[in-house]
Amino acid sequence: MAFKPLHDRVLVRRVQSEDKTKGGLIIPDSAKEKPAEGEVVACGEGARKDSGELIAPSVKTGDRILFGKWSGTEVTLDGEELLIMKESDILGIMA
């Protein structure tokens, strides 16, 4: 994939949610919510301060993250649905 986010933007692949509940019930696609968990595919170089100094991003490629339900812009690259969001939309990194 030849895509590099700019500034403090991050490219994210959603992690697929479970098809069954813990009790074993199968969840149909129409009832599933889009997961708010993903994997960072690519990062921009970071934001800039007013002085022009670069602020490096806190996330890196491969990190598993949580983000807000309405975060990001959905895009399709090479047939895959991904999200582009600002780093500030990321709630945290999963350990």
Protein backbone atom coordinates (compact mmCIF):
# COMPACT_ATOMS: atom_id res chain seq x y z
CA MET A 1 0.00 0.00 0.00
CA ALA A 2 1.48 3.34 -1.01
CA PHE A 3 -0.15 5.76 1.44
CA LYS A 4 1.59 7.96 4.02
CA PRO A 5 -0.54 10.09 6.36
CA LEU A 6 0.53 13.71 6.78
CA HIS A 7 1.26 15.68 9.97
CA ASP A 8 -0.49 14.16 13.03
CA ARG A 9 -2.77 11.82 11.08
CA VAL A 10 -2.83 8.04 11.62
CA LEU A 11 -4.06 5.26 9.30
CA VAL A 12 -5.96 2.57 11.25
CA ARG A 13 -7.32 -0.90 10.41
CA ARG A 14 -10.34 -1.87 12.52
CA VAL A 15 -10.03 -5.10 14.50
CA GLN A 16 -12.87 -7.49 13.70
CA SER A 17 -15.38 -7.98 16.52
CA GLU A 18 -16.49 -11.35 17.82
CA ASP A 19 -19.27 -13.23 16.00
CA LYS A 20 -20.53 -14.84 19.22
CA THR A 21 -21.33 -13.61 22.71
CA LYS A 22 -19.67 -15.21 25.74
CA GLY A 23 -22.85 -17.25 26.18
CA GLY A 24 -22.55 -18.67 22.65
CA LEU A 25 -25.22 -16.62 20.87
CA ILE A 26 -24.36 -15.71 17.28
CA ILE A 27 -24.56 -11.97 16.55
CA PRO A 28 -25.89 -11.17 13.04
CA ASP A 29 -24.00 -8.58 10.96
CA SER A 30 -26.97 -6.19 11.12
CA ALA A 31 -26.76 -6.06 14.94
CA LYS A 32 -23.00 -5.62 15.21
CA GLU A 33 -21.51 -2.27 16.11
CA LYS A 34 -18.33 -1.20 14.39
CA PRO A 35 -15.46 -1.87 16.78
CA ALA A 36 -13.65 1.05 18.38
CA GLU A 37 -10.43 -0.92 18.46
CA GLY A 38 -7.83 -1.01 15.73
CA GLU A 39 -4.26 -1.46 14.63
CA VAL A 40 -2.09 1.42 13.44
CA VAL A 41 -1.07 0.81 9.82
CA ALA A 42 0.88 4.05 9.23
CA CYS A 43 1.65 7.33 11.02
CA GLY A 44 2.46 10.83 9.86
CA GLU A 45 5.65 12.57 10.98
CA GLY A 46 3.84 14.44 13.78
CA ALA A 47 2.37 17.84 14.57
CA ARG A 48 4.34 21.07 14.72
CA LYS A 49 4.50 23.65 17.49
CA ASP A 50 4.05 27.34 16.67
CA SER A 51 7.85 27.61 16.71
CA GLY A 52 8.04 24.96 13.96
CA GLU A 53 9.46 22.28 16.24
CA LEU A 54 8.22 18.76 15.42
CA ILE A 55 6.19 16.85 18.03
CA ALA A 56 6.70 13.13 17.37
CA PRO A 57 3.56 10.92 17.45
CA SER A 58 2.90 8.82 20.57
CA VAL A 59 1.79 5.80 18.51
CA LYS A 60 3.73 3.71 16.02
CA THR A 61 2.91 1.21 13.30
CA GLY A 62 1.58 -2.04 14.77
CA ASP A 63 0.15 -0.54 18.00
CA ARG A 64 -3.34 -1.73 19.04
CA ILE A 65 -5.42 1.31 19.96
CA LEU A 66 -8.84 2.35 21.20
CA PHE A 67 -10.57 5.31 19.56
CA GLY A 68 -13.89 7.15 19.83
CA LYS A 69 -17.01 5.75 18.20
CA TRP A 70 -17.27 8.60 15.67
CA SER A 71 -13.53 9.13 15.13
CA GLY A 72 -11.86 9.26 11.76
CA THR A 73 -12.80 9.26 8.12
CA GLU A 74 -13.47 5.94 6.41
CA VAL A 75 -11.46 5.32 3.23
CA THR A 76 -10.93 2.32 0.95
CA LEU A 77 -7.33 1.66 -0.09
CA ASP A 78 -6.43 -1.37 -2.19
CA GLY A 79 -9.91 -2.80 -1.52
CA GLU A 80 -9.52 -2.60 2.27
CA GLU A 81 -11.63 -0.33 4.50
CA LEU A 82 -9.42 1.79 6.76
CA LEU A 83 -9.75 4.92 8.91
CA ILE A 84 -7.73 8.11 8.81
CA MET A 85 -7.85 10.03 12.08
CA LYS A 86 -5.95 12.64 14.03
CA GLU A 87 -3.71 11.31 16.75
CA SER A 88 -5.78 13.28 19.28
CA ASP A 89 -8.81 11.05 18.43
CA ILE A 90 -6.95 8.04 19.85
CA LEU A 91 -8.01 7.29 23.42
CA GLY A 92 -5.16 4.95 24.33
CA ILE A 93 -2.75 2.17 23.39
CA MET A 94 -3.59 -1.38 24.48
CA ALA A 95 -0.75 -3.22 26.19
